[in-house]
Amino acid sequence: MNVTVQNILDIVNEIAPFEKAEPWDNVGLLAGSSQNEVTGILCALDFTDEVLNQAVALGANLIITHHPILFSAKKRLTEDDYEGRLLCDMIRKHINLISAHTNYDAAAGGVNDCLAEKLGLKNVRVVEGGEDEILRMGEIDPKPLSEFSDFVAKTLNDVVRVYGDKDKIIKCVAVCGGSGGEYAKAAYRAGADAYVTGEMRYHDSLNFALEGYASLHAGHDATERIAIKPLSDGLQKRINELQYNLTVFLFNNMGVEQ
């Protein structure tokens, strides 16, 4: 059975409904044609030269990324800047590109559920009143902030910047992968003792710390990359259920895996 880009787009929409994306976001089919036949899929956090070259080497003509391209409107497509060169190269190599960004952040089983699971949160729920269903919150066994931050750094394998009283006992944690500074107030208002996100503004973090809250900046990449394998696994599972003869590959820091 021939599988088209539209078939895969429909599956992605089941996993991470595009209607959940922020209004400013750029998700869905960003390059190619919905009617193109798919020969293979490569999932990655970002669209880069290395990802493009790996897709070509694997015979995969569809790339699915978390972070989209073309955030800023382009009036010209030239090869005088990195994104322009990458886009032109992609077109020459007949590669299709789909992005699942803030829709995958908010989706059940998406980025923030993956982050909550990775950090061992219990009784995980969507923060009521949290903007766009982005935030997740749950409990941990009580421990000082210093101990919790060490655990986060070890678990995500990245440097963590910590703001707050190191002796503060952390029981309730809210999480948001990537750049989640705008959701910090909602997290604390919902009762979080600590907020784990990829990055947020220094002065905001400092002010929250002075008010008695803790924030942990655990790295934009580190807080989102953990969700790319679940995305690729979810795609492959649905593809297999539909009896499509198609392989989903995963691009990560260690290279490519099937």
Protein backbone atom coordinates (compact mmCIF):
# COMPACT_ATOMS: atom_id res chain seq x y z
CA MET A 1 0.00 0.00 0.00
CA ASN A 2 1.36 3.41 -0.95
CA VAL A 3 1.58 5.78 2.00
CA THR A 4 1.28 9.51 1.38
CA VAL A 5 2.42 12.49 3.38
CA GLN A 6 -1.26 13.15 4.11
CA ASN A 7 -1.62 9.68 5.66
CA ILE A 8 1.26 10.45 8.03
CA LEU A 9 -0.03 13.96 8.69
CA ASP A 10 -3.32 12.40 9.83
CA ILE A 11 -1.43 10.09 12.22
CA VAL A 12 0.58 12.99 13.64
CA ASN A 13 -2.69 14.84 14.17
CA GLU A 14 -4.01 11.87 16.17
CA ILE A 15 -0.92 11.92 18.39
CA ALA A 16 -0.68 15.71 18.72
CA PRO A 17 -3.80 17.49 17.41
CA PHE A 18 -2.75 20.53 15.43
CA GLU A 19 -5.65 22.50 16.93
CA LYS A 20 -3.72 22.49 20.23
CA ALA A 21 -0.90 24.57 18.71
CA GLU A 22 -0.38 28.15 19.86
CA PRO A 23 -1.71 30.77 17.38
CA TRP A 24 1.83 32.07 16.75
CA ASP A 25 3.24 28.63 16.04
CA ASN A 26 4.15 27.08 12.68
CA VAL A 27 3.07 23.43 12.63
CA GLY A 28 1.83 20.85 10.16
CA LEU A 29 3.19 20.31 6.67
CA LEU A 30 5.87 22.95 6.13
CA ALA A 31 7.45 21.69 2.90
CA GLY A 32 6.61 19.20 0.19
CA SER A 33 3.21 17.93 -0.90
CA SER A 34 0.50 16.10 0.97
CA GLN A 35 0.18 13.76 -2.01
CA ASN A 36 3.83 12.69 -2.13
CA GLU A 37 4.50 9.03 -1.44
CA VAL A 38 6.51 8.42 1.75
CA THR A 39 9.53 6.10 1.54
CA GLY A 40 10.66 6.48 5.16
CA ILE A 41 10.41 8.85 8.13
CA LEU A 42 13.09 10.44 10.29
CA CYS A 43 12.06 12.07 13.58
CA ALA A 44 14.28 14.72 15.16
CA LEU A 45 14.16 17.61 17.60
CA ASP A 46 15.47 20.14 15.06
CA PHE A 47 15.77 20.39 11.29
CA THR A 48 19.47 20.74 10.47
CA ASP A 49 21.92 19.87 7.70
CA GLU A 50 22.90 16.73 9.59
CA VAL A 51 19.28 15.61 9.93
CA LEU A 52 18.64 16.28 6.24
CA ASN A 53 21.71 14.32 5.17
CA GLN A 54 20.81 11.43 7.46
CA ALA A 55 17.30 11.28 6.00
CA VAL A 56 18.71 11.09 2.47
CA ALA A 57 21.19 8.38 3.49
CA LEU A 58 18.36 6.32 5.01
CA GLY A 59 16.07 6.74 2.03
CA ALA A 60 13.58 8.63 4.19
CA ASN A 61 11.85 11.44 2.32
CA LEU A 62 9.77 12.71 5.25
CA ILE A 63 11.28 14.46 8.26
CA ILE A 64 9.16 15.15 11.35
CA THR A 65 10.61 17.63 13.83
CA HIS A 66 9.46 19.19 17.07
CA HIS A 67 10.92 22.61 16.37
CA PRO A 68 9.64 24.19 13.14
CA ILE A 69 11.37 26.36 10.60
CA LEU A 70 10.03 29.54 8.96
CA PHE A 71 9.05 31.21 12.22
CA SER A 72 9.71 34.61 10.66
CA ALA A 73 8.00 35.49 7.40
CA LYS A 74 10.30 35.18 4.39
CA LYS A 75 9.79 37.41 1.36
CA ARG A 76 12.70 35.83 -0.49
CA LEU A 77 14.10 32.32 -0.62
CA THR A 78 17.82 32.66 -1.19
CA GLU A 79 20.88 30.71 -0.09
CA ASP A 80 22.48 33.72 1.57
CA ASP A 81 21.48 32.60 5.10
CA TYR A 82 21.46 29.24 6.88
CA GLU A 83 17.72 28.63 6.79
CA GLY A 84 17.54 29.62 3.12
CA ARG A 85 20.38 27.26 2.20
CA LEU A 86 18.78 24.45 4.19
CA LEU A 87 15.38 24.99 2.57
CA CYS A 88 16.84 25.06 -0.93
CA ASP A 89 18.81 21.89 -0.23
CA MET A 90 15.69 20.20 1.10
CA ILE A 91 13.74 21.11 -2.03
CA ARG A 92 16.51 19.83 -4.30
CA LYS A 93 16.50 16.52 -2.41
CA HIS A 94 12.68 16.20 -2.58
CA ILE A 95 12.25 15.99 1.19
CA ASN A 96 8.92 16.67 2.91
CA LEU A 97 8.83 18.31 6.34
CA ILE A 98 6.23 18.18 9.13
CA SER A 99 6.46 19.98 12.47
CA ALA A 100 4.64 19.09 15.71
CA HIS A 101 5.61 21.83 18.15
CA THR A 102 3.33 23.39 20.77
CA ASN A 103 0.61 20.91 19.80
CA TYR A 104 2.97 18.12 20.91
CA ASP A 105 3.84 20.08 24.06
CA ALA A 106 0.18 20.13 25.08
CA ALA A 107 -0.87 16.70 23.80
CA ALA A 108 -1.53 13.77 26.12
CA GLY A 109 1.67 11.76 26.11
CA GLY A 110 3.55 14.68 24.57
CA VAL A 111 6.58 16.66 25.67
CA ASN A 112 5.37 17.70 29.10
CA ASP A 113 3.92 14.33 30.01
CA CYS A 114 7.24 12.77 28.96
CA LEU A 115 9.13 15.26 31.13
CA ALA A 116 6.87 14.61 34.11
CA GLU A 117 7.36 10.86 33.70
CA LYS A 118 11.12 11.21 33.30
CA LEU A 119 11.30 13.15 36.58
CA GLY A 120 9.18 10.57 38.37
CA LEU A 121 6.23 12.81 39.20
CA LYS A 122 3.24 11.08 40.76
CA ASN A 123 -0.43 11.88 40.28
CA VAL A 124 0.40 13.91 37.17
CA ARG A 125 -2.33 16.24 35.94
CA VAL A 126 -2.84 19.18 33.63
CA VAL A 127 -2.70 22.41 35.60
CA GLU A 128 -6.24 23.76 35.79
CA GLY A 129 -6.26 27.24 34.38
CA GLY A 130 -2.78 26.67 32.97
CA GLU A 131 -2.64 28.32 29.60
CA ASP A 132 -3.39 26.04 26.64
CA GLU A 133 -3.12 22.81 28.64
CA ILE A 134 0.67 23.10 28.55
CA LEU A 135 1.65 22.67 32.19
CA ARG A 136 1.85 19.36 34.02
CA MET A 137 2.11 19.03 37.78
CA GLY A 138 2.65 16.18 40.21
CA GLU A 139 4.16 15.17 43.52
CA ILE A 140 7.54 13.76 44.50
CA ASP A 141 8.84 12.32 47.75
CA PRO A 142 9.72 15.41 49.80
CA LYS A 143 13.35 16.47 49.48
CA PRO A 144 15.42 19.67 49.69
CA LEU A 145 15.74 21.75 46.55
CA SER A 146 19.48 21.01 46.43
CA GLU A 147 18.82 17.26 46.30
CA PHE A 148 16.01 17.61 43.78
CA SER A 149 18.13 19.78 41.46
CA ASP A 150 20.93 17.20 41.55
CA PHE A 151 18.40 14.54 40.57
CA VAL A 152 17.09 16.64 37.67
CA ALA A 153 20.61 17.30 36.38
CA LYS A 154 21.51 13.61 36.54
CA THR A 155 18.24 12.46 35.02
CA LEU A 156 18.31 14.89 32.08
CA ASN A 157 22.10 14.72 31.71
CA ASP A 158 22.49 18.47 31.55
CA VAL A 159 23.52 21.45 33.65
CA VAL A 160 20.66 22.85 35.73
CA ARG A 161 20.51 26.47 36.89
CA VAL A 162 18.69 26.68 40.19
CA TYR A 163 16.94 29.69 41.74
CA GLY A 164 15.56 29.46 45.25
CA ASP A 165 16.42 28.42 48.80
CA LYS A 166 18.53 25.24 48.51
CA ASP A 167 17.01 23.98 51.79
CA LYS A 168 13.42 24.50 50.70
CA ILE A 169 11.50 21.21 50.84
CA ILE A 170 10.04 20.33 47.45
CA LYS A 171 6.86 18.26 47.35
CA CYS A 172 4.90 19.51 44.36
CA VAL A 173 6.54 20.11 40.97
CA ALA A 174 5.25 21.68 37.75
CA VAL A 175 7.02 21.13 34.44
CA CYS A 176 7.13 22.66 30.98
CA GLY A 177 9.72 21.66 28.40
CA GLY A 178 11.53 24.26 26.32
CA SER A 179 11.07 27.96 26.92
CA GLY A 180 8.38 28.00 29.62
CA GLY A 181 8.92 31.25 31.47
CA GLU A 182 5.50 32.62 30.58
CA TYR A 183 3.82 29.76 32.44
CA ALA A 184 5.70 30.13 35.73
CA LYS A 185 3.02 32.21 37.45
CA ALA A 186 0.36 29.65 36.58
CA ALA A 187 2.58 26.89 37.98
CA TYR A 188 3.11 28.62 41.32
CA ARG A 189 -0.51 29.74 41.50
CA ALA A 190 -1.54 26.09 41.13
CA GLY A 191 0.55 25.16 44.16
CA ALA A 192 3.92 24.10 42.77
CA ASP A 193 6.89 24.38 45.13
CA ALA A 194 9.27 24.14 42.18
CA TYR A 195 8.98 24.72 38.45
CA VAL A 196 11.17 22.82 35.99
CA THR A 197 11.49 24.26 32.50
CA GLY A 198 14.11 24.54 29.80
CA GLU A 199 14.78 28.23 30.16
CA MET A 200 13.23 31.42 31.51
CA ARG A 201 14.27 35.02 32.16
CA TYR A 202 16.86 35.58 34.87
CA HIS A 203 15.07 38.47 36.57
CA ASP A 204 11.76 36.60 36.63
CA SER A 205 13.48 33.61 38.24
CA LEU A 206 15.16 35.87 40.79
CA ASN A 207 11.89 37.58 41.69
CA PHE A 208 10.10 34.26 42.12
CA ALA A 209 12.94 33.04 44.34
CA LEU A 210 12.56 36.13 46.53
CA GLU A 211 8.87 35.27 46.87
CA GLY A 212 9.78 31.80 48.13
CA TYR A 213 9.42 29.77 44.93
CA ALA A 214 12.02 27.61 43.23
CA SER A 215 12.74 27.39 39.53
CA LEU A 216 15.10 25.06 37.70
CA HIS A 217 16.36 25.86 34.21
CA ALA A 218 17.20 22.40 32.89
CA GLY A 219 18.04 23.20 29.26
CA HIS A 220 15.75 23.75 26.27
CA ASP A 221 17.20 20.77 24.42
CA ALA A 222 17.33 18.47 27.45
CA THR A 223 13.72 19.02 28.49
CA GLU A 224 12.35 18.29 25.01
CA ARG A 225 14.65 15.72 23.41
CA ILE A 226 13.30 13.06 25.77
CA ALA A 227 9.95 13.23 23.92
CA ILE A 228 11.25 12.51 20.40
CA LYS A 229 11.59 8.74 20.88
CA PRO A 230 8.03 8.44 22.24
CA LEU A 231 6.90 10.38 19.16
CA SER A 232 8.73 8.05 16.78
CA ASP A 233 7.52 4.98 18.70
CA GLY A 234 3.94 6.25 18.58
CA LEU A 235 4.19 6.82 14.84
CA GLN A 236 5.63 3.38 14.19
CA LYS A 237 2.94 1.72 16.33
CA ARG A 238 0.11 3.39 14.39
CA ILE A 239 1.83 2.74 11.06
CA ASN A 240 2.13 -0.95 11.93
CA GLU A 241 -1.52 -1.11 13.02
CA LEU A 242 -2.52 0.27 9.62
CA GLN A 243 -0.25 -2.32 7.99
CA TYR A 244 1.82 0.32 6.23
CA ASN A 245 5.23 -1.01 5.16
CA LEU A 246 7.15 1.99 6.43
CA THR A 247 10.02 2.50 8.87
CA VAL A 248 10.34 5.37 11.33
CA PHE A 249 13.92 6.30 12.26
CA LEU A 250 14.98 8.42 15.24
CA PHE A 251 17.77 10.99 15.13
CA ASN A 252 19.35 11.73 18.50
CA ASN A 253 22.67 12.77 20.02
CA MET A 254 24.05 9.26 19.45
CA GLY A 255 23.12 9.18 15.77
CA VAL A 256 20.24 7.31 14.15
CA GLU A 257 18.24 4.40 15.52
CA GLN A 258 15.28 2.47 14.19
